[in-house]
Amino acid sequence: MKITLFGTQPYDRESFDRIRDTYGFDICYHRSHLNANNVALAQGSDAVCIFVNDTADAGTIRQLAGMGVKLIALRCAGFNNVDLNAAARYGIPVVRVPAYSPHAVAEHAVALMLALNRKIHRAYWRTRDGNFSLHGLMGFDMYGKTAGIVGTGRIARELIRILKGFGMEVVANDLFPDPQYAAEAGIAYVLLDELYARADIVSLHCPLTDRTRYMIGDAAISRMKPGVILINTGRGQLIHTEALIDGLKEKKIGAAGLDVYEEEAGYFYEDTSDRIMDDDVLARLLSFNNVIVTSHQGFFTREAVDNIARTTMQNIKDFSECRRLENEVRAEPENAVGQL
C-alpha cells in the first residue's frame, strides 16, 4: 500500500521511518501542503496523510478520488480542514489521531498561563539586557482563582487535573456535559455567559465547527471579566483576531496566549524570518507585550510525535485489512442539536 504524506517536516519523517518496516507500507514524503494545485503529487497512492495546514476541500477530494486515493488519514485530532461531506460523496473514509498526547497540549496551555501571569517572557528579555527591575512584572496567585474551560475532552480534562492541583476553582462548558465526570473532578458545568463572567483565565478546548467558529468575538469578550487571560491551544478560528486586538487595546483582555492563529497556514511551521510579514493582523498581535504566540507546538513532544505516527499507521493498516475504523470521522448530521 502506498501512502503520500503532505506537509512533512524532518521530525515527521524520522517518526514514520522508525516504524514503517513494522507496517510494510511504501511511504512518499512531501514538504508542500496538500491543496487543489498540487494534488497530482498523490498520483498512484492508496492513501494520503495530511496535517493541520493541508487543505482537503471538495475540489481536492474530487481529484483524489479521480486518481484512486481510497483513504484520507489525518495525523492530528482536528479535521476542520477536510470537507467531510465531499469525502462521503466520493466514498473516501477519513481517519484521525484523536489522542496523541493530551498531556502535551494541556501542559503547553499551562505554560502559556504561567508565562503570561508572571511575565516570564518579559523578564527573560530584561535580564539579558542587564535590567533586573521588577516594575510591570507583578502577577497573581493561581491558587483560589477561577479557570473557565470551554470543552471537556481528553486534553481539557488533563488541564483541569493540573489546574485543580494549583488549587483553582474550575467551571466548564461543553455541548454535551458529563455530570459524572464533573462530580468526580470537582468542577461545575455552567453556561458560557456565567463562565465568561467568573473566569480569571479562559482556555479553549472545543473543536472548530460552524457552531464554534469565532465564538470569541466582540460579544463574548464584552461579557468576560476585566483583565482575563485568554488561552487558545485548539483552533485559530475559535477567536476573531481583530476582536481580540480590540479587547487587548481596551484592557478588557489582560493577556492572551495563542498556540494557533486563524490565518496560520502561511507562517506556522516555516522560517519566515528573512521576509517582511505581510499579515498586518498577525503583526499587530505580535506587537503586544502581553501576548505570546507560539507556532502550533502544543503537541510537540517526543511522546506525542511518536504516538501520532503509530496511530496513523494503525489507522491505515486497519483500513487496508478491512477492519472497523475506530478513529473515523464523519460529517455531522444536519439536524444535530445542542448549545454551548
C-alpha atoms as a PDB file:
ATOM      1  CA  MET A   1       0.000   0.000   0.000  1.00  0.00           C
ATOM      2  CA  LYS A   2       1.408   3.395  -0.998  1.00  0.00           C
ATOM      3  CA  ILE A   3       0.940   6.403   1.272  1.00  0.00           C
ATOM      4  CA  THR A   4       1.770  10.019   0.414  1.00  0.00           C
ATOM      5  CA  LEU A   5       2.465  12.299   3.375  1.00  0.00           C
ATOM      6  CA  PHE A   6       1.951  16.014   2.778  1.00  0.00           C
ATOM      7  CA  GLY A   7       3.230  18.918   4.866  1.00  0.00           C
ATOM      8  CA  THR A   8       6.031  16.867   6.364  1.00  0.00           C
ATOM      9  CA  GLN A   9       8.920  18.123   8.454  1.00  0.00           C
ATOM     10  CA  PRO A  10      12.141  16.238   9.326  1.00  0.00           C
ATOM     11  CA  TYR A  11      10.676  15.048  12.627  1.00  0.00           C
ATOM     12  CA  ASP A  12       7.676  13.535  10.798  1.00  0.00           C
ATOM     13  CA  ARG A  13       9.963  11.579   8.536  1.00  0.00           C
ATOM     14  CA  GLU A  14      12.056  10.336  11.460  1.00  0.00           C
ATOM     15  CA  SER A  15       8.993   9.105  13.360  1.00  0.00           C
ATOM     16  CA  PHE A  16       7.393   7.361  10.400  1.00  0.00           C
ATOM     17  CA  ASP A  17      10.683   5.883   9.171  1.00  0.00           C
ATOM     18  CA  ARG A  18      11.246   4.281  12.595  1.00  0.00           C
ATOM     19  CA  ILE A  19       8.103   2.196  12.272  1.00  0.00           C
ATOM     20  CA  ARG A  20       7.494   1.853   8.519  1.00  0.00           C
ATOM     21  CA  ASP A  21       9.072  -1.604   8.357  1.00  0.00           C
ATOM     22  CA  THR A  22       6.661  -2.813  11.040  1.00  0.00           C
ATOM     23  CA  TYR A  23       3.724  -1.973   8.799  1.00  0.00           C
ATOM     24  CA  GLY A  24       5.309  -2.612   5.417  1.00  0.00           C
ATOM     25  CA  PHE A  25       3.873   0.444   3.664  1.00  0.00           C
ATOM     26  CA  ASP A  26       5.522   2.378   0.846  1.00  0.00           C
ATOM     27  CA  ILE A  27       5.744   5.999   2.053  1.00  0.00           C
ATOM     28  CA  CYS A  28       6.382   9.092  -0.053  1.00  0.00           C
ATOM     29  CA  TYR A  29       7.107  12.391   1.748  1.00  0.00           C
ATOM     30  CA  HIS A  30       6.365  15.935   0.531  1.00  0.00           C
ATOM     31  CA  ARG A  31       7.136  19.204   2.315  1.00  0.00           C
ATOM     32  CA  SER A  32       4.389  21.043   0.437  1.00  0.00           C
ATOM     33  CA  HIS A  33       0.887  21.297   1.870  1.00  0.00           C
ATOM     34  CA  LEU A  34      -1.872  19.455   0.063  1.00  0.00           C
ATOM     35  CA  ASN A  35      -4.211  21.655  -1.967  1.00  0.00           C
ATOM     36  CA  ALA A  36      -6.033  21.607  -5.291  1.00  0.00           C
ATOM     37  CA  ASN A  37      -2.927  22.846  -7.131  1.00  0.00           C
ATOM     38  CA  ASN A  38      -0.507  20.099  -6.077  1.00  0.00           C
ATOM     39  CA  VAL A  39      -2.864  17.170  -5.577  1.00  0.00           C
ATOM     40  CA  ALA A  40      -1.172  15.459  -8.533  1.00  0.00           C
ATOM     41  CA  LEU A  41       1.671  14.568  -6.145  1.00  0.00           C
ATOM     42  CA  ALA A  42      -0.630  11.901  -4.732  1.00  0.00           C
ATOM     43  CA  GLN A  43      -0.867  10.088  -8.085  1.00  0.00           C
ATOM     44  CA  GLY A  44      -0.578   6.334  -7.581  1.00  0.00           C
ATOM     45  CA  SER A  45      -1.231   6.500  -3.841  1.00  0.00           C
ATOM     46  CA  ASP A  46      -3.779   4.416  -1.986  1.00  0.00           C
ATOM     47  CA  ALA A  47      -3.913   6.893   0.907  1.00  0.00           C
ATOM     48  CA  VAL A  48      -2.880  10.461   1.641  1.00  0.00           C
ATOM     49  CA  CYS A  49      -1.753  11.564   5.084  1.00  0.00           C
ATOM     50  CA  ILE A  50      -2.214  15.227   5.954  1.00  0.00           C
ATOM     51  CA  PHE A  51      -1.710  17.676   8.821  1.00  0.00           C
ATOM     52  CA  VAL A  52      -3.424  20.826  10.097  1.00  0.00           C
ATOM     53  CA  ASN A  53      -2.364  23.216   7.318  1.00  0.00           C
ATOM     54  CA  ASP A  54      -3.183  20.906   4.420  1.00  0.00           C
ATOM     55  CA  THR A  55      -6.420  21.571   2.543  1.00  0.00           C
ATOM     56  CA  ALA A  56      -8.739  18.722   1.606  1.00  0.00           C
ATOM     57  CA  ASP A  57     -11.658  20.733   0.254  1.00  0.00           C
ATOM     58  CA  ALA A  58     -14.295  19.434  -2.162  1.00  0.00           C
ATOM     59  CA  GLY A  59     -12.226  20.150  -5.268  1.00  0.00           C
ATOM     60  CA  THR A  60      -9.131  18.465  -3.861  1.00  0.00           C
ATOM     61  CA  ILE A  61     -11.101  15.425  -2.715  1.00  0.00           C
ATOM     62  CA  ARG A  62     -12.732  15.107  -6.138  1.00  0.00           C
ATOM     63  CA  GLN A  63      -9.275  14.956  -7.706  1.00  0.00           C
ATOM     64  CA  LEU A  64      -8.027  12.471  -5.108  1.00  0.00           C
ATOM     65  CA  ALA A  65     -10.973  10.200  -5.849  1.00  0.00           C
ATOM     66  CA  GLY A  66     -10.329  10.502  -9.571  1.00  0.00           C
ATOM     67  CA  MET A  67      -6.777   9.213  -9.177  1.00  0.00           C
ATOM     68  CA  GLY A  68      -7.844   6.289  -6.998  1.00  0.00           C
ATOM     69  CA  VAL A  69      -6.996   7.502  -3.495  1.00  0.00           C
ATOM     70  CA  LYS A  70      -9.070   5.429  -1.072  1.00  0.00           C
ATOM     71  CA  LEU A  71      -8.314   6.966   2.356  1.00  0.00           C
ATOM     72  CA  ILE A  72      -7.516  10.335   3.938  1.00  0.00           C
ATOM     73  CA  ALA A  73      -5.511   9.901   7.137  1.00  0.00           C
ATOM     74  CA  LEU A  74      -5.113  12.926   9.395  1.00  0.00           C
ATOM     75  CA  ARG A  75      -2.091  12.863  11.689  1.00  0.00           C
ATOM     76  CA  CYS A  76      -3.814  15.247  14.099  1.00  0.00           C
ATOM     77  CA  ALA A  77      -7.022  15.450  16.114  1.00  0.00           C
ATOM     78  CA  GLY A  78      -8.704  18.343  14.299  1.00  0.00           C
ATOM     79  CA  PHE A  79     -10.456  17.760  10.982  1.00  0.00           C
ATOM     80  CA  ASN A  80     -11.863  21.179  10.067  1.00  0.00           C
ATOM     81  CA  ASN A  81      -9.559  21.289   7.016  1.00  0.00           C
ATOM     82  CA  VAL A  82     -11.355  18.326   5.435  1.00  0.00           C
ATOM     83  CA  ASP A  83     -14.698  18.576   3.647  1.00  0.00           C
ATOM     84  CA  LEU A  84     -16.296  15.538   5.257  1.00  0.00           C
ATOM     85  CA  ASN A  85     -19.411  15.793   3.117  1.00  0.00           C
ATOM     86  CA  ALA A  86     -17.319  15.661  -0.055  1.00  0.00           C
ATOM     87  CA  ALA A  87     -15.316  12.729   1.320  1.00  0.00           C
ATOM     88  CA  ALA A  88     -18.563  10.867   1.981  1.00  0.00           C
ATOM     89  CA  ARG A  89     -19.867  11.620  -1.532  1.00  0.00           C
ATOM     90  CA  TYR A  90     -16.744  10.157  -3.096  1.00  0.00           C
ATOM     91  CA  GLY A  91     -16.614   7.205  -0.712  1.00  0.00           C
ATOM     92  CA  ILE A  92     -13.293   8.128   0.895  1.00  0.00           C
ATOM     93  CA  PRO A  93     -13.138   7.420   4.644  1.00  0.00           C
ATOM     94  CA  VAL A  94     -11.377   9.975   6.857  1.00  0.00           C
ATOM     95  CA  VAL A  95      -9.456   8.875   9.943  1.00  0.00           C
ATOM     96  CA  ARG A  96      -7.609  10.931  12.547  1.00  0.00           C
ATOM     97  CA  VAL A  97      -5.450  10.712  15.666  1.00  0.00           C
ATOM     98  CA  PRO A  98      -7.827  11.735  18.460  1.00  0.00           C
ATOM     99  CA  ALA A  99      -5.451  11.465  21.425  1.00  0.00           C
ATOM    100  CA  TYR A 100      -1.753  11.638  20.589  1.00  0.00           C
ATOM    101  CA  SER A 101      -0.896  13.121  23.980  1.00  0.00           C
ATOM    102  CA  PRO A 102      -3.439  15.104  25.965  1.00  0.00           C
ATOM    103  CA  HIS A 103      -0.633  15.747  28.453  1.00  0.00           C
ATOM    104  CA  ALA A 104       1.459  17.593  25.847  1.00  0.00           C
ATOM    105  CA  VAL A 105      -1.216  20.125  24.872  1.00  0.00           C
ATOM    106  CA  ALA A 106      -2.518  20.580  28.412  1.00  0.00           C
ATOM    107  CA  GLU A 107       0.983  21.231  29.732  1.00  0.00           C
ATOM    108  CA  HIS A 108       1.592  23.771  26.948  1.00  0.00           C
ATOM    109  CA  ALA A 109      -1.618  25.578  27.885  1.00  0.00           C
ATOM    110  CA  VAL A 110      -0.410  25.765  31.493  1.00  0.00           C
ATOM    111  CA  ALA A 111       2.986  27.034  30.324  1.00  0.00           C
ATOM    112  CA  LEU A 112       1.267  29.878  28.472  1.00  0.00           C
ATOM    113  CA  MET A 113      -0.844  30.717  31.530  1.00  0.00           C
ATOM    114  CA  LEU A 114       2.141  30.845  33.859  1.00  0.00           C
ATOM    115  CA  ALA A 115       4.358  32.762  31.441  1.00  0.00           C
ATOM    116  CA  LEU A 116       1.712  35.428  30.866  1.00  0.00           C
ATOM    117  CA  ASN A 117       0.679  35.704  34.507  1.00  0.00           C
ATOM    118  CA  ARG A 118       4.237  36.031  35.844  1.00  0.00           C
ATOM    119  CA  LYS A 119       5.571  37.892  32.759  1.00  0.00           C
ATOM    120  CA  ILE A 120       8.320  35.306  32.233  1.00  0.00           C
ATOM    121  CA  HIS A 121       8.825  36.325  28.600  1.00  0.00           C
ATOM    122  CA  ARG A 122       9.348  39.968  29.550  1.00  0.00           C
ATOM    123  CA  ALA A 123      11.657  39.131  32.459  1.00  0.00           C
ATOM    124  CA  TYR A 124      13.759  36.923  30.168  1.00  0.00           C
ATOM    125  CA  TRP A 125      14.500  39.736  27.737  1.00  0.00           C
ATOM    126  CA  ARG A 126      15.048  42.293  30.521  1.00  0.00           C
ATOM    127  CA  THR A 127      17.627  40.317  32.438  1.00  0.00           C
ATOM    128  CA  ARG A 128      19.557  39.505  29.257  1.00  0.00           C
ATOM    129  CA  ASP A 129      19.940  43.248  28.844  1.00  0.00           C
ATOM    130  CA  GLY A 130      21.034  43.729  32.451  1.00  0.00           C
ATOM    131  CA  ASN A 131      17.666  45.080  33.604  1.00  0.00           C
ATOM    132  CA  PHE A 132      16.635  43.405  36.865  1.00  0.00           C
ATOM    133  CA  SER A 133      13.793  45.778  37.719  1.00  0.00           C
ATOM    134  CA  LEU A 134      10.506  44.246  38.853  1.00  0.00           C
ATOM    135  CA  HIS A 135       8.402  47.117  37.516  1.00  0.00           C
ATOM    136  CA  GLY A 136       5.487  45.796  35.463  1.00  0.00           C
ATOM    137  CA  LEU A 137       6.137  42.135  36.265  1.00  0.00           C
ATOM    138  CA  MET A 138       3.602  41.576  39.050  1.00  0.00           C
ATOM    139  CA  GLY A 139       1.293  38.596  38.593  1.00  0.00           C
ATOM    140  CA  PHE A 140      -1.286  36.881  40.776  1.00  0.00           C
ATOM    141  CA  ASP A 141      -1.565  33.631  42.726  1.00  0.00           C
ATOM    142  CA  MET A 142      -3.215  30.934  40.636  1.00  0.00           C
ATOM    143  CA  TYR A 143      -4.443  29.429  43.915  1.00  0.00           C
ATOM    144  CA  GLY A 144      -8.033  30.388  44.586  1.00  0.00           C
ATOM    145  CA  LYS A 145      -8.656  31.853  41.133  1.00  0.00           C
ATOM    146  CA  THR A 146     -11.237  30.547  38.665  1.00  0.00           C
ATOM    147  CA  ALA A 147     -10.435  28.871  35.355  1.00  0.00           C
ATOM    148  CA  GLY A 148     -13.110  28.641  32.675  1.00  0.00           C
ATOM    149  CA  ILE A 149     -12.599  25.648  30.365  1.00  0.00           C
ATOM    150  CA  VAL A 150     -14.583  25.513  27.120  1.00  0.00           C
ATOM    151  CA  GLY A 151     -14.857  21.894  26.021  1.00  0.00           C
ATOM    152  CA  THR A 152     -14.115  18.949  28.302  1.00  0.00           C
ATOM    153  CA  GLY A 153     -12.482  16.356  26.085  1.00  0.00           C
ATOM    154  CA  ARG A 154      -9.267  14.465  26.843  1.00  0.00           C
ATOM    155  CA  ILE A 155      -6.957  17.490  26.678  1.00  0.00           C
ATOM    156  CA  ALA A 156      -9.266  19.676  28.737  1.00  0.00           C
ATOM    157  CA  ARG A 157      -9.622  17.006  31.420  1.00  0.00           C
ATOM    158  CA  GLU A 158      -5.863  16.728  31.748  1.00  0.00           C
ATOM    159  CA  LEU A 159      -5.635  20.527  32.004  1.00  0.00           C
ATOM    160  CA  ILE A 160      -8.367  20.558  34.642  1.00  0.00           C
ATOM    161  CA  ARG A 161      -6.453  17.972  36.686  1.00  0.00           C
ATOM    162  CA  ILE A 162      -3.362  20.216  36.623  1.00  0.00           C
ATOM    163  CA  LEU A 163      -5.277  23.391  37.474  1.00  0.00           C
ATOM    164  CA  LYS A 164      -7.078  21.703  40.346  1.00  0.00           C
ATOM    165  CA  GLY A 165      -3.599  20.831  41.620  1.00  0.00           C
ATOM    166  CA  PHE A 166      -2.873  24.568  41.739  1.00  0.00           C
ATOM    167  CA  GLY A 167      -5.929  24.961  43.950  1.00  0.00           C
ATOM    168  CA  MET A 168      -8.009  26.692  41.286  1.00  0.00           C
ATOM    169  CA  GLU A 169     -11.774  26.574  41.030  1.00  0.00           C
ATOM    170  CA  VAL A 170     -12.825  25.251  37.612  1.00  0.00           C
ATOM    171  CA  VAL A 171     -16.044  25.979  35.732  1.00  0.00           C
ATOM    172  CA  ALA A 172     -16.600  24.357  32.352  1.00  0.00           C
ATOM    173  CA  ASN A 173     -18.876  24.454  29.353  1.00  0.00           C
ATOM    174  CA  ASP A 174     -19.495  21.648  26.894  1.00  0.00           C
ATOM    175  CA  LEU A 175     -22.053  20.907  24.216  1.00  0.00           C
ATOM    176  CA  PHE A 176     -22.641  17.591  25.968  1.00  0.00           C
ATOM    177  CA  PRO A 177     -21.992  17.967  29.731  1.00  0.00           C
ATOM    178  CA  ASP A 178     -20.822  14.912  31.658  1.00  0.00           C
ATOM    179  CA  PRO A 179     -22.317  15.146  35.178  1.00  0.00           C
ATOM    180  CA  GLN A 180     -20.468  12.049  36.404  1.00  0.00           C
ATOM    181  CA  TYR A 181     -17.112  13.489  35.324  1.00  0.00           C
ATOM    182  CA  ALA A 182     -17.986  16.850  36.887  1.00  0.00           C
ATOM    183  CA  ALA A 183     -18.747  15.212  40.227  1.00  0.00           C
ATOM    184  CA  GLU A 184     -15.555  13.149  40.153  1.00  0.00           C
ATOM    185  CA  ALA A 185     -13.342  16.094  39.089  1.00  0.00           C
ATOM    186  CA  GLY A 186     -14.936  18.634  41.414  1.00  0.00           C
ATOM    187  CA  ILE A 187     -15.931  21.077  38.687  1.00  0.00           C
ATOM    188  CA  ALA A 188     -19.179  22.730  37.667  1.00  0.00           C
ATOM    189  CA  TYR A 189     -20.729  22.939  34.213  1.00  0.00           C
ATOM    190  CA  VAL A 190     -22.150  26.402  33.578  1.00  0.00           C
ATOM    191  CA  LEU A 191     -23.498  28.419  30.654  1.00  0.00           C
ATOM    192  CA  LEU A 192     -20.950  30.381  28.638  1.00  0.00           C
ATOM    193  CA  ASP A 193     -22.167  33.736  29.957  1.00  0.00           C
ATOM    194  CA  GLU A 194     -21.527  32.626  33.531  1.00  0.00           C
ATOM    195  CA  LEU A 195     -18.157  31.131  32.600  1.00  0.00           C
ATOM    196  CA  TYR A 196     -17.045  34.398  30.986  1.00  0.00           C
ATOM    197  CA  ALA A 197     -18.236  36.438  33.963  1.00  0.00           C
ATOM    198  CA  ARG A 198     -16.474  34.294  36.578  1.00  0.00           C
ATOM    199  CA  ALA A 199     -13.243  33.109  34.964  1.00  0.00           C
ATOM    200  CA  ASP A 200      -9.874  34.753  35.616  1.00  0.00           C
ATOM    201  CA  ILE A 201      -8.448  32.506  32.883  1.00  0.00           C
ATOM    202  CA  VAL A 202     -10.413  31.184  29.892  1.00  0.00           C
ATOM    203  CA  SER A 203      -8.941  28.251  27.939  1.00  0.00           C
ATOM    204  CA  LEU A 204     -10.457  26.942  24.701  1.00  0.00           C
ATOM    205  CA  HIS A 205     -10.544  23.183  24.013  1.00  0.00           C
ATOM    206  CA  CYS A 206     -13.557  22.687  21.760  1.00  0.00           C
ATOM    207  CA  PRO A 207     -13.464  21.572  18.116  1.00  0.00           C
ATOM    208  CA  LEU A 208     -13.869  24.060  15.286  1.00  0.00           C
ATOM    209  CA  THR A 209     -17.338  23.723  13.774  1.00  0.00           C
ATOM    210  CA  ASP A 210     -19.834  26.123  12.237  1.00  0.00           C
ATOM    211  CA  ARG A 211     -21.239  26.500  15.753  1.00  0.00           C
ATOM    212  CA  THR A 212     -17.905  27.409  17.380  1.00  0.00           C
ATOM    213  CA  ARG A 213     -16.237  29.421  14.595  1.00  0.00           C
ATOM    214  CA  TYR A 214     -15.428  32.908  16.004  1.00  0.00           C
ATOM    215  CA  MET A 215     -17.173  32.083  19.259  1.00  0.00           C
ATOM    216  CA  ILE A 216     -14.775  34.551  20.878  1.00  0.00           C
ATOM    217  CA  GLY A 217     -15.723  37.844  19.279  1.00  0.00           C
ATOM    218  CA  ASP A 218     -16.813  41.268  20.462  1.00  0.00           C
ATOM    219  CA  ALA A 219     -19.925  39.967  22.233  1.00  0.00           C
ATOM    220  CA  ALA A 220     -18.128  37.206  24.124  1.00  0.00           C
ATOM    221  CA  ILE A 221     -15.228  39.465  25.113  1.00  0.00           C
ATOM    222  CA  SER A 222     -17.640  42.100  26.419  1.00  0.00           C
ATOM    223  CA  ARG A 223     -19.028  39.509  28.855  1.00  0.00           C
ATOM    224  CA  MET A 224     -15.639  38.461  30.198  1.00  0.00           C
ATOM    225  CA  LYS A 225     -14.140  39.511  33.497  1.00  0.00           C
ATOM    226  CA  PRO A 226     -11.881  42.566  33.045  1.00  0.00           C
ATOM    227  CA  GLY A 227      -8.220  41.545  32.836  1.00  0.00           C
ATOM    228  CA  VAL A 228      -8.977  37.931  31.880  1.00  0.00           C
ATOM    229  CA  ILE A 229      -6.177  35.772  30.461  1.00  0.00           C
ATOM    230  CA  LEU A 230      -7.341  34.065  27.259  1.00  0.00           C
ATOM    231  CA  ILE A 231      -5.643  30.843  26.125  1.00  0.00           C
ATOM    232  CA  ASN A 232      -6.197  29.063  22.804  1.00  0.00           C
ATOM    233  CA  THR A 233      -4.411  25.794  22.054  1.00  0.00           C
ATOM    234  CA  GLY A 234      -7.314  24.493  19.955  1.00  0.00           C
ATOM    235  CA  ARG A 235      -8.059  26.046  16.568  1.00  0.00           C
ATOM    236  CA  GLY A 236      -7.299  29.572  15.410  1.00  0.00           C
ATOM    237  CA  GLN A 237     -10.768  30.386  14.112  1.00  0.00           C
ATOM    238  CA  LEU A 238     -12.316  29.923  17.535  1.00  0.00           C
ATOM    239  CA  ILE A 239     -11.169  33.532  18.090  1.00  0.00           C
ATOM    240  CA  HIS A 240     -11.902  36.531  15.887  1.00  0.00           C
ATOM    241  CA  THR A 241      -8.434  38.064  15.978  1.00  0.00           C
ATOM    242  CA  GLU A 242      -9.448  41.658  15.294  1.00  0.00           C
ATOM    243  CA  ALA A 243     -11.962  41.461  18.158  1.00  0.00           C
ATOM    244  CA  LEU A 244      -9.167  40.099  20.367  1.00  0.00           C
ATOM    245  CA  ILE A 245      -6.931  43.031  19.392  1.00  0.00           C
ATOM    246  CA  ASP A 246      -9.716  45.464  20.290  1.00  0.00           C
ATOM    247  CA  GLY A 247     -10.134  43.694  23.632  1.00  0.00           C
ATOM    248  CA  LEU A 248      -6.403  43.996  24.310  1.00  0.00           C
ATOM    249  CA  LYS A 249      -6.356  47.689  23.375  1.00  0.00           C
ATOM    250  CA  GLU A 250      -9.331  48.398  25.646  1.00  0.00           C
ATOM    251  CA  LYS A 251      -7.630  46.472  28.525  1.00  0.00           C
ATOM    252  CA  LYS A 252     -10.609  44.112  28.690  1.00  0.00           C
ATOM    253  CA  ILE A 253      -8.277  41.220  27.857  1.00  0.00           C
ATOM    254  CA  GLY A 254      -5.373  41.226  30.296  1.00  0.00           C
ATOM    255  CA  ALA A 255      -3.229  38.818  28.263  1.00  0.00           C
ATOM    256  CA  ALA A 256      -3.531  36.227  25.508  1.00  0.00           C
ATOM    257  CA  GLY A 257      -1.621  33.008  24.906  1.00  0.00           C
ATOM    258  CA  LEU A 258      -2.153  31.647  21.406  1.00  0.00           C
ATOM    259  CA  ASP A 259      -0.694  28.437  20.052  1.00  0.00           C
ATOM    260  CA  VAL A 260      -2.928  28.795  16.999  1.00  0.00           C
ATOM    261  CA  TYR A 261      -3.947  31.631  14.683  1.00  0.00           C
ATOM    262  CA  GLU A 262      -6.816  31.799  12.216  1.00  0.00           C
ATOM    263  CA  GLU A 263      -4.552  32.517   9.217  1.00  0.00           C
ATOM    264  CA  GLU A 264      -1.569  30.491  10.378  1.00  0.00           C
ATOM    265  CA  ALA A 265      -1.105  28.391   7.236  1.00  0.00           C
ATOM    266  CA  GLY A 266       1.215  30.905   5.576  1.00  0.00           C
ATOM    267  CA  TYR A 267       3.564  31.143   8.566  1.00  0.00           C
ATOM    268  CA  PHE A 268       3.405  28.313  11.082  1.00  0.00           C
ATOM    269  CA  TYR A 269       5.959  25.505  10.705  1.00  0.00           C
ATOM    270  CA  GLU A 270       8.044  27.663   8.365  1.00  0.00           C
ATOM    271  CA  ASP A 271      11.007  30.016   8.909  1.00  0.00           C
ATOM    272  CA  THR A 272       9.852  33.369   7.537  1.00  0.00           C
ATOM    273  CA  SER A 273      12.345  35.472   9.499  1.00  0.00           C
ATOM    274  CA  ASP A 274      14.048  36.735   6.324  1.00  0.00           C
ATOM    275  CA  ARG A 275      10.813  38.169   4.908  1.00  0.00           C
ATOM    276  CA  ILE A 276       8.655  41.171   5.719  1.00  0.00           C
ATOM    277  CA  MET A 277       5.445  39.988   7.376  1.00  0.00           C
ATOM    278  CA  ASP A 278       2.541  40.869   5.103  1.00  0.00           C
ATOM    279  CA  ASP A 279      -0.174  39.760   7.531  1.00  0.00           C
ATOM    280  CA  ASP A 280      -0.997  43.068   9.228  1.00  0.00           C
ATOM    281  CA  VAL A 281      -3.293  41.443  11.792  1.00  0.00           C
ATOM    282  CA  LEU A 282      -0.674  38.940  12.934  1.00  0.00           C
ATOM    283  CA  ALA A 283       1.977  41.676  13.011  1.00  0.00           C
ATOM    284  CA  ARG A 284      -0.269  43.807  15.208  1.00  0.00           C
ATOM    285  CA  LEU A 285      -0.935  40.872  17.514  1.00  0.00           C
ATOM    286  CA  LEU A 286       2.799  40.238  17.914  1.00  0.00           C
ATOM    287  CA  SER A 287       3.358  43.862  18.900  1.00  0.00           C
ATOM    288  CA  PHE A 288       1.587  43.469  22.265  1.00  0.00           C
ATOM    289  CA  ASN A 289       3.863  42.715  25.208  1.00  0.00           C
ATOM    290  CA  ASN A 290       1.025  40.843  26.939  1.00  0.00           C
ATOM    291  CA  VAL A 291       0.550  38.385  24.074  1.00  0.00           C
ATOM    292  CA  ILE A 292       2.517  35.186  23.490  1.00  0.00           C
ATOM    293  CA  VAL A 293       2.128  33.451  20.145  1.00  0.00           C
ATOM    294  CA  THR A 294       3.684  30.005  19.712  1.00  0.00           C
ATOM    295  CA  SER A 295       3.784  28.120  16.423  1.00  0.00           C
ATOM    296  CA  HIS A 296       1.110  25.449  16.958  1.00  0.00           C
ATOM    297  CA  GLN A 297       3.595  23.470  19.019  1.00  0.00           C
ATOM    298  CA  GLY A 298       1.357  22.323  21.847  1.00  0.00           C
ATOM    299  CA  PHE A 299       1.504  18.752  20.534  1.00  0.00           C
ATOM    300  CA  PHE A 300       5.274  18.827  20.021  1.00  0.00           C
ATOM    301  CA  THR A 301       6.791  16.340  22.458  1.00  0.00           C
ATOM    302  CA  ARG A 302       8.717  13.163  21.649  1.00  0.00           C
ATOM    303  CA  GLU A 303       5.944  11.039  23.058  1.00  0.00           C
ATOM    304  CA  ALA A 304       3.209  12.804  21.099  1.00  0.00           C
ATOM    305  CA  VAL A 305       5.026  12.739  17.745  1.00  0.00           C
ATOM    306  CA  ASP A 306       5.719   9.013  18.110  1.00  0.00           C
ATOM    307  CA  ASN A 307       2.105   8.364  19.130  1.00  0.00           C
ATOM    308  CA  ILE A 308       0.886  10.265  16.066  1.00  0.00           C
ATOM    309  CA  ALA A 309       2.971   8.106  13.733  1.00  0.00           C
ATOM    310  CA  ARG A 310       1.898   4.844  15.384  1.00  0.00           C
ATOM    311  CA  THR A 311      -1.808   5.684  15.471  1.00  0.00           C
ATOM    312  CA  THR A 312      -1.769   6.962  11.891  1.00  0.00           C
ATOM    313  CA  MET A 313      -0.095   3.803  10.612  1.00  0.00           C
ATOM    314  CA  GLN A 314      -2.506   1.631  12.602  1.00  0.00           C
ATOM    315  CA  ASN A 315      -5.469   3.550  11.148  1.00  0.00           C
ATOM    316  CA  ILE A 316      -4.160   2.872   7.654  1.00  0.00           C
ATOM    317  CA  LYS A 317      -3.469  -0.785   8.452  1.00  0.00           C
ATOM    318  CA  ASP A 318      -6.999  -1.223   9.789  1.00  0.00           C
ATOM    319  CA  PHE A 319      -8.332   0.203   6.541  1.00  0.00           C
ATOM    320  CA  SER A 320      -6.089  -1.981   4.373  1.00  0.00           C
ATOM    321  CA  GLU A 321      -7.254  -5.072   6.267  1.00  0.00           C
ATOM    322  CA  CYS A 322     -10.950  -4.075   6.122  1.00  0.00           C
ATOM    323  CA  ARG A 323     -11.239  -3.719   9.897  1.00  0.00           C
ATOM    324  CA  ARG A 324     -13.544  -1.312  11.694  1.00  0.00           C
ATOM    325  CA  LEU A 325     -12.060   2.189  11.653  1.00  0.00           C
ATOM    326  CA  GLU A 326     -12.114   3.203  15.321  1.00  0.00           C
ATOM    327  CA  ASN A 327     -10.833   6.702  14.574  1.00  0.00           C
ATOM    328  CA  GLU A 328     -13.022   7.520  11.587  1.00  0.00           C
ATOM    329  CA  VAL A 329     -14.676  10.945  11.460  1.00  0.00           C
ATOM    330  CA  ARG A 330     -17.843  11.676   9.532  1.00  0.00           C
ATOM    331  CA  ALA A 331     -19.900  14.711   8.621  1.00  0.00           C
ATOM    332  CA  GLU A 332     -22.088  15.980  11.447  1.00  0.00           C
ATOM    333  CA  PRO A 333     -25.791  15.282  10.841  1.00  0.00           C
ATOM    334  CA  GLU A 334     -27.600  18.392   9.665  1.00  0.00           C
ATOM    335  CA  ASN A 335     -30.173  18.070  12.436  1.00  0.00           C
ATOM    336  CA  ALA A 336     -27.608  17.828  15.244  1.00  0.00           C
ATOM    337  CA  VAL A 337     -28.761  19.864  18.229  1.00  0.00           C
ATOM    338  CA  GLY A 338     -27.098  21.235  21.293  1.00  0.00           C
ATOM    339  CA  GLN A 339     -25.959  24.503  22.763  1.00  0.00           C
ATOM    340  CA  LEU A 340     -22.593  25.587  24.047  1.00  0.00           C
END
